[in-house]
Amino acid sequence: MLSQAITGKTHRSSTDIFYRGSTEASRKNHLDALTFAARHNIRPWVQEFPSTPDGLTMALDLLKAGKIRYRAVLTLESCVKQ
């Protein structure tokens, strides 16, 4: 299943979750891109949500409404503090 996602094929799981991967760039291309980003201090734009029931609910509500901006990321800070 995961191997299909890694090869760029779409796979539908038994829980109706779609997984998709890409093999369009080589390892060297990825390393070159990461090196370039590090050299020029390029950082991703993310929208963070705490890894709590409320944070996950908020993220999913925004996703369903089509209002997620940039890349949604669940943070683990709340899990570590407990």
C-alpha atoms as a PDB file:
ATOM      1  CA  MET A   1       0.000   0.000   0.000  1.00  0.00           C
ATOM      2  CA  LEU A   2       2.606   2.540   1.055  1.00  0.00           C
ATOM      3  CA  SER A   3       4.837   1.426  -1.803  1.00  0.00           C
ATOM      4  CA  GLN A   4       2.075   2.425  -4.220  1.00  0.00           C
ATOM      5  CA  ALA A   5       1.955   5.893  -2.644  1.00  0.00           C
ATOM      6  CA  ILE A   6       5.708   6.249  -2.923  1.00  0.00           C
ATOM      7  CA  THR A   7       5.664   5.341  -6.604  1.00  0.00           C
ATOM      8  CA  GLY A   8       3.277   8.191  -7.388  1.00  0.00           C
ATOM      9  CA  LYS A   9       0.086   6.140  -7.521  1.00  0.00           C
ATOM     10  CA  THR A  10      -2.994   7.070  -5.565  1.00  0.00           C
ATOM     11  CA  HIS A  11      -4.149   4.504  -3.055  1.00  0.00           C
ATOM     12  CA  ARG A  12      -7.452   4.467  -1.232  1.00  0.00           C
ATOM     13  CA  SER A  13      -7.252   2.872   2.198  1.00  0.00           C
ATOM     14  CA  SER A  14      -9.991   0.904   3.915  1.00  0.00           C
ATOM     15  CA  THR A  15     -10.820   4.048   5.924  1.00  0.00           C
ATOM     16  CA  ASP A  16     -11.355   6.183   2.793  1.00  0.00           C
ATOM     17  CA  ILE A  17      -8.098   8.090   3.235  1.00  0.00           C
ATOM     18  CA  PHE A  18      -6.169   8.836   0.060  1.00  0.00           C
ATOM     19  CA  TYR A  19      -2.382   8.624   0.041  1.00  0.00           C
ATOM     20  CA  ARG A  20      -0.298  10.089  -2.755  1.00  0.00           C
ATOM     21  CA  GLY A  21       3.434  10.246  -3.256  1.00  0.00           C
ATOM     22  CA  SER A  22       5.791  11.437  -5.933  1.00  0.00           C
ATOM     23  CA  THR A  23       9.005  10.166  -7.447  1.00  0.00           C
ATOM     24  CA  GLU A  24       9.526  13.057  -9.832  1.00  0.00           C
ATOM     25  CA  ALA A  25      12.807  14.255  -8.351  1.00  0.00           C
ATOM     26  CA  SER A  26      15.952  12.344  -7.511  1.00  0.00           C
ATOM     27  CA  ARG A  27      17.569  12.284  -4.083  1.00  0.00           C
ATOM     28  CA  LYS A  28      20.242  14.674  -5.410  1.00  0.00           C
ATOM     29  CA  ASN A  29      17.593  17.154  -6.573  1.00  0.00           C
ATOM     30  CA  HIS A  30      15.997  17.113  -3.114  1.00  0.00           C
ATOM     31  CA  LEU A  31      19.364  17.595  -1.420  1.00  0.00           C
ATOM     32  CA  ASP A  32      20.227  20.457  -3.790  1.00  0.00           C
ATOM     33  CA  ALA A  33      16.881  22.134  -3.047  1.00  0.00           C
ATOM     34  CA  LEU A  34      17.334  21.744   0.721  1.00  0.00           C
ATOM     35  CA  THR A  35      20.900  23.063   0.522  1.00  0.00           C
ATOM     36  CA  PHE A  36      19.716  26.076  -1.498  1.00  0.00           C
ATOM     37  CA  ALA A  37      16.906  26.757   0.994  1.00  0.00           C
ATOM     38  CA  ALA A  38      19.302  26.534   3.954  1.00  0.00           C
ATOM     39  CA  ARG A  39      21.889  28.780   2.275  1.00  0.00           C
ATOM     40  CA  HIS A  40      19.296  31.479   1.541  1.00  0.00           C
ATOM     41  CA  ASN A  41      17.362  31.063   4.807  1.00  0.00           C
ATOM     42  CA  ILE A  42      14.182  30.032   2.993  1.00  0.00           C
ATOM     43  CA  ARG A  43      11.553  28.699   5.391  1.00  0.00           C
ATOM     44  CA  PRO A  44       8.141  27.130   4.686  1.00  0.00           C
ATOM     45  CA  TRP A  45       4.956  28.990   5.496  1.00  0.00           C
ATOM     46  CA  VAL A  46       2.926  26.896   7.883  1.00  0.00           C
ATOM     47  CA  GLN A  47      -0.243  27.194   9.879  1.00  0.00           C
ATOM     48  CA  GLU A  48       0.317  25.449  13.236  1.00  0.00           C
ATOM     49  CA  PHE A  49      -2.285  23.719  15.378  1.00  0.00           C
ATOM     50  CA  PRO A  50      -1.722  22.124  18.789  1.00  0.00           C
ATOM     51  CA  SER A  51      -1.908  18.319  18.967  1.00  0.00           C
ATOM     52  CA  THR A  52      -4.945  18.407  21.190  1.00  0.00           C
ATOM     53  CA  PRO A  53      -8.547  17.429  20.499  1.00  0.00           C
ATOM     54  CA  ASP A  54      -9.459  21.127  20.137  1.00  0.00           C
ATOM     55  CA  GLY A  55      -6.492  21.837  17.870  1.00  0.00           C
ATOM     56  CA  LEU A  56      -7.254  18.868  15.639  1.00  0.00           C
ATOM     57  CA  THR A  57     -10.933  19.833  15.468  1.00  0.00           C
ATOM     58  CA  MET A  58      -9.994  23.380  14.485  1.00  0.00           C
ATOM     59  CA  ALA A  59      -7.593  22.157  11.784  1.00  0.00           C
ATOM     60  CA  LEU A  60     -10.126  19.723  10.326  1.00  0.00           C
ATOM     61  CA  ASP A  61     -12.907  22.319  10.377  1.00  0.00           C
ATOM     62  CA  LEU A  62     -10.708  24.780   8.457  1.00  0.00           C
ATOM     63  CA  LEU A  63      -9.656  22.036   6.044  1.00  0.00           C
ATOM     64  CA  LYS A  64     -13.268  21.049   5.335  1.00  0.00           C
ATOM     65  CA  ALA A  65     -14.141  24.717   4.789  1.00  0.00           C
ATOM     66  CA  GLY A  66     -11.228  25.128   2.361  1.00  0.00           C
ATOM     67  CA  LYS A  67      -9.629  27.765   4.583  1.00  0.00           C
ATOM     68  CA  ILE A  68      -6.289  26.157   5.393  1.00  0.00           C
ATOM     69  CA  ARG A  69      -3.535  28.543   4.328  1.00  0.00           C
ATOM     70  CA  TYR A  70      -0.076  27.315   3.478  1.00  0.00           C
ATOM     71  CA  ARG A  71       0.624  23.913   5.090  1.00  0.00           C
ATOM     72  CA  ALA A  72      -1.232  22.724   8.195  1.00  0.00           C
ATOM     73  CA  VAL A  73       1.069  21.304  10.880  1.00  0.00           C
ATOM     74  CA  LEU A  74       0.159  19.681  14.189  1.00  0.00           C
ATOM     75  CA  THR A  75       2.668  20.705  16.841  1.00  0.00           C
ATOM     76  CA  LEU A  76       3.790  18.358  19.594  1.00  0.00           C
ATOM     77  CA  GLU A  77       4.549  21.030  22.195  1.00  0.00           C
ATOM     78  CA  SER A  78       1.376  20.325  24.140  1.00  0.00           C
ATOM     79  CA  CYS A  79       2.210  16.613  24.248  1.00  0.00           C
ATOM     80  CA  VAL A  80       5.746  17.214  25.530  1.00  0.00           C
ATOM     81  CA  LYS A  81       4.665  19.597  28.314  1.00  0.00           C
ATOM     82  CA  GLN A  82       2.309  17.046  29.879  1.00  0.00           C
END
